[in-house]
Amino acid sequence: MHPPLTPHRHPMCVEIIEEFQKCHLDHPIGKFFGDCTELKVKLLHCFRQEKAVKRKVNFEQSKKLQERLKAIRKDENAET
């Protein structure tokens, strides 16, 4: 199972999403017998890479936020 295949949610995987959807349209019966499996594997791999990139960006943002909050707390403690 894969997440919804909306291109705006997965900008890194747009080409593979389009190929996968085209494969499903071109092979309405064959999709049940593995005609599109190779594309699905590529799609899942792309989703994993995309998630890893997002996770790294989110982690870096949270680190910056934690440092900023730590500085604010330090300033507040210094004032009292």
N, C-alpha and C. Protein backbone atom coordinates (compact mmCIF):
# COMPACT_ATOMS: atom_id res chain seq x y z
N MET A 1 0.84 -1.18 0.00
CA MET A 1 0.00 0.00 0.00
C MET A 1 0.89 1.24 0.00
N HIS A 2 0.44 2.24 -0.65
CA HIS A 2 1.20 3.48 -0.74
C HIS A 2 0.31 4.65 -0.36
N PRO A 3 0.91 5.79 -0.04
CA PRO A 3 0.11 6.97 0.30
C PRO A 3 -0.60 7.50 -0.94
N PRO A 4 -1.52 8.43 -0.77
CA PRO A 4 -2.20 9.02 -1.93
C PRO A 4 -1.19 9.59 -2.92
N LEU A 5 -1.44 9.34 -4.19
CA LEU A 5 -0.48 9.72 -5.23
C LEU A 5 -0.78 11.10 -5.80
N THR A 6 -0.78 12.08 -4.94
CA THR A 6 -1.00 13.45 -5.38
C THR A 6 0.36 14.10 -5.61
N PRO A 7 0.59 14.62 -6.82
CA PRO A 7 1.92 15.17 -7.14
C PRO A 7 2.36 16.32 -6.24
N HIS A 8 1.43 17.14 -5.76
CA HIS A 8 1.85 18.27 -4.93
C HIS A 8 2.37 17.83 -3.57
N ARG A 9 2.01 16.63 -3.13
CA ARG A 9 2.52 16.14 -1.84
C ARG A 9 3.86 15.42 -1.98
N HIS A 10 4.19 15.03 -3.21
CA HIS A 10 5.42 14.28 -3.45
C HIS A 10 6.18 14.87 -4.63
N PRO A 11 6.74 16.06 -4.47
CA PRO A 11 7.39 16.73 -5.61
C PRO A 11 8.61 15.99 -6.16
N MET A 12 9.28 15.21 -5.34
CA MET A 12 10.46 14.48 -5.81
C MET A 12 10.08 13.28 -6.68
N CYS A 13 8.86 12.82 -6.58
CA CYS A 13 8.45 11.57 -7.22
C CYS A 13 7.41 11.76 -8.31
N VAL A 14 7.25 12.95 -8.82
CA VAL A 14 6.17 13.25 -9.77
C VAL A 14 6.27 12.38 -11.02
N GLU A 15 7.47 12.24 -11.59
CA GLU A 15 7.62 11.47 -12.82
C GLU A 15 7.23 10.01 -12.61
N ILE A 16 7.67 9.43 -11.51
CA ILE A 16 7.37 8.02 -11.25
C ILE A 16 5.88 7.85 -10.97
N ILE A 17 5.27 8.79 -10.28
CA ILE A 17 3.82 8.73 -10.02
C ILE A 17 3.06 8.73 -11.34
N GLU A 18 3.46 9.61 -12.25
CA GLU A 18 2.78 9.68 -13.54
C GLU A 18 2.95 8.39 -14.33
N GLU A 19 4.16 7.83 -14.33
CA GLU A 19 4.40 6.55 -15.01
C GLU A 19 3.56 5.44 -14.40
N PHE A 20 3.50 5.41 -13.07
CA PHE A 20 2.74 4.37 -12.37
C PHE A 20 1.25 4.48 -12.69
N GLN A 21 0.72 5.68 -12.67
CA GLN A 21 -0.70 5.87 -12.98
C GLN A 21 -0.99 5.52 -14.44
N LYS A 22 -0.07 5.86 -15.34
CA LYS A 22 -0.23 5.52 -16.75
C LYS A 22 -0.21 4.00 -16.93
N CYS A 23 0.67 3.33 -16.22
CA CYS A 23 0.74 1.87 -16.28
C CYS A 23 -0.58 1.26 -15.85
N HIS A 24 -1.17 1.78 -14.80
CA HIS A 24 -2.46 1.27 -14.33
C HIS A 24 -3.56 1.50 -15.36
N LEU A 25 -3.50 2.64 -16.07
CA LEU A 25 -4.49 2.91 -17.11
C LEU A 25 -4.27 2.02 -18.33
N ASP A 26 -3.00 1.80 -18.69
CA ASP A 26 -2.67 0.99 -19.87
C ASP A 26 -2.88 -0.50 -19.64
N HIS A 27 -2.81 -0.94 -18.40
CA HIS A 27 -2.92 -2.37 -18.09
C HIS A 27 -3.99 -2.59 -17.01
N PRO A 28 -5.27 -2.43 -17.36
CA PRO A 28 -6.32 -2.52 -16.34
C PRO A 28 -6.42 -3.90 -15.68
N ILE A 29 -6.08 -4.95 -16.40
CA ILE A 29 -6.10 -6.30 -15.82
C ILE A 29 -4.69 -6.69 -15.37
N GLY A 30 -3.72 -6.34 -16.19
CA GLY A 30 -2.33 -6.71 -15.91
C GLY A 30 -1.79 -6.14 -14.62
N LYS A 31 -2.36 -5.02 -14.18
CA LYS A 31 -1.88 -4.43 -12.93
C LYS A 31 -2.08 -5.37 -11.75
N PHE A 32 -3.05 -6.28 -11.88
CA PHE A 32 -3.29 -7.25 -10.81
C PHE A 32 -2.33 -8.43 -10.87
N PHE A 33 -1.63 -8.56 -12.01
CA PHE A 33 -0.73 -9.70 -12.20
C PHE A 33 0.73 -9.27 -12.32
N GLY A 34 1.06 -8.09 -11.84
CA GLY A 34 2.45 -7.67 -11.73
C GLY A 34 3.01 -6.85 -12.86
N ASP A 35 2.18 -6.38 -13.79
CA ASP A 35 2.70 -5.57 -14.89
C ASP A 35 3.28 -4.25 -14.41
N CYS A 36 2.82 -3.74 -13.31
CA CYS A 36 3.27 -2.43 -12.81
C CYS A 36 4.11 -2.54 -11.54
N THR A 37 4.50 -3.75 -11.19
CA THR A 37 5.21 -3.97 -9.94
C THR A 37 6.56 -3.25 -9.90
N GLU A 38 7.27 -3.27 -11.02
CA GLU A 38 8.58 -2.61 -11.06
C GLU A 38 8.46 -1.12 -10.78
N LEU A 39 7.43 -0.50 -11.36
CA LEU A 39 7.21 0.93 -11.10
C LEU A 39 6.81 1.17 -9.66
N LYS A 40 6.04 0.24 -9.09
CA LYS A 40 5.63 0.41 -7.70
C LYS A 40 6.84 0.35 -6.77
N VAL A 41 7.77 -0.54 -7.07
CA VAL A 41 8.99 -0.64 -6.26
C VAL A 41 9.78 0.66 -6.36
N LYS A 42 9.91 1.21 -7.58
CA LYS A 42 10.60 2.50 -7.75
C LYS A 42 9.89 3.60 -6.98
N LEU A 43 8.56 3.57 -7.02
CA LEU A 43 7.76 4.58 -6.33
C LEU A 43 7.97 4.51 -4.82
N LEU A 44 7.93 3.31 -4.27
CA LEU A 44 8.14 3.16 -2.83
C LEU A 44 9.55 3.59 -2.43
N HIS A 45 10.53 3.27 -3.27
CA HIS A 45 11.91 3.69 -3.00
C HIS A 45 12.00 5.22 -3.00
N CYS A 46 11.34 5.84 -3.97
CA CYS A 46 11.34 7.31 -4.04
C CYS A 46 10.67 7.91 -2.81
N PHE A 47 9.55 7.33 -2.38
CA PHE A 47 8.87 7.82 -1.18
C PHE A 47 9.78 7.73 0.04
N ARG A 48 10.53 6.64 0.15
CA ARG A 48 11.44 6.48 1.29
C ARG A 48 12.53 7.55 1.26
N GLN A 49 13.08 7.80 0.07
CA GLN A 49 14.11 8.84 -0.05
C GLN A 49 13.54 10.21 0.30
N GLU A 50 12.35 10.47 -0.19
CA GLU A 50 11.69 11.75 0.08
C GLU A 50 11.45 11.92 1.58
N LYS A 51 11.02 10.86 2.22
CA LYS A 51 10.76 10.91 3.65
C LYS A 51 12.05 11.15 4.44
N ALA A 52 13.14 10.53 4.00
CA ALA A 52 14.42 10.72 4.67
C ALA A 52 14.87 12.17 4.56
N VAL A 53 14.68 12.78 3.40
CA VAL A 53 15.04 14.18 3.22
C VAL A 53 14.19 15.07 4.12
N LYS A 54 12.88 14.81 4.14
CA LYS A 54 11.98 15.61 4.99
C LYS A 54 12.34 15.44 6.46
N ARG A 55 12.66 14.21 6.85
CA ARG A 55 13.01 13.95 8.24
C ARG A 55 14.27 14.73 8.63
N LYS A 56 15.25 14.77 7.73
CA LYS A 56 16.49 15.49 8.01
C LYS A 56 16.23 16.99 8.14
N VAL A 57 15.43 17.54 7.24
CA VAL A 57 15.10 18.97 7.29
C VAL A 57 14.35 19.29 8.59
N ASN A 58 13.38 18.46 8.94
CA ASN A 58 12.61 18.69 10.17
C ASN A 58 13.51 18.61 11.40
N PHE A 59 14.45 17.67 11.40
CA PHE A 59 15.36 17.54 12.53
C PHE A 59 16.23 18.78 12.67
N GLU A 60 16.73 19.29 11.55
CA GLU A 60 17.55 20.50 11.59
C GLU A 60 16.74 21.70 12.08
N GLN A 61 15.50 21.80 11.63
CA GLN A 61 14.64 22.90 12.08
C GLN A 61 14.36 22.78 13.58
N SER A 62 14.13 21.57 14.05
CA SER A 62 13.85 21.40 15.48
C SER A 62 15.08 21.71 16.31
N LYS A 63 16.27 21.39 15.78
CA LYS A 63 17.50 21.72 16.50
C LYS A 63 17.64 23.23 16.65
N LYS A 64 17.38 23.97 15.57
CA LYS A 64 17.46 25.43 15.62
C LYS A 64 16.45 25.99 16.61
N LEU A 65 15.25 25.45 16.61
CA LEU A 65 14.21 25.91 17.53
C LEU A 65 14.62 25.63 18.97
N GLN A 66 15.16 24.44 19.23
CA GLN A 66 15.59 24.10 20.59
C GLN A 66 16.70 25.03 21.06
N GLU A 67 17.64 25.36 20.16
CA GLU A 67 18.72 26.27 20.53
C GLU A 67 18.17 27.66 20.84
N ARG A 68 17.21 28.10 20.03
CA ARG A 68 16.60 29.41 20.26
C ARG A 68 15.86 29.43 21.59
N LEU A 69 15.10 28.39 21.87
CA LEU A 69 14.37 28.32 23.14
C LEU A 69 15.33 28.25 24.33
N LYS A 70 16.42 27.52 24.15
CA LYS A 70 17.42 27.42 25.21
C LYS A 70 18.02 28.79 25.51
N ALA A 71 18.29 29.57 24.46
CA ALA A 71 18.84 30.92 24.64
C ALA A 71 17.83 31.82 25.34
N ILE A 72 16.56 31.71 24.98
CA ILE A 72 15.52 32.52 25.62
C ILE A 72 15.41 32.17 27.10
N ARG A 73 15.43 30.88 27.41
CA ARG A 73 15.35 30.46 28.82
C ARG A 73 16.57 30.95 29.61
N LYS A 74 17.73 30.89 28.96
CA LYS A 74 18.95 31.34 29.62
C LYS A 74 18.86 32.84 29.93
N ASP A 75 18.35 33.62 28.98
CA ASP A 75 18.17 35.05 29.20
C ASP A 75 17.17 35.32 30.32
N GLU A 76 16.09 34.56 30.35
CA GLU A 76 15.07 34.74 31.40
C GLU A 76 15.64 34.41 32.77
N ASN A 77 16.43 33.34 32.84
CA ASN A 77 17.04 32.95 34.11
C ASN A 77 18.09 33.97 34.56
N ALA A 78 18.78 34.58 33.62
CA ALA A 78 19.79 35.59 33.96
C ALA A 78 19.15 36.85 34.51
N GLU A 79 17.95 37.17 34.03
CA GLU A 79 17.25 38.37 34.49
C GLU A 79 16.72 38.21 35.91
N THR A 80 16.40 37.00 36.31
CA THR A 80 15.83 36.82 37.65
C THR A 80 16.85 36.54 38.69
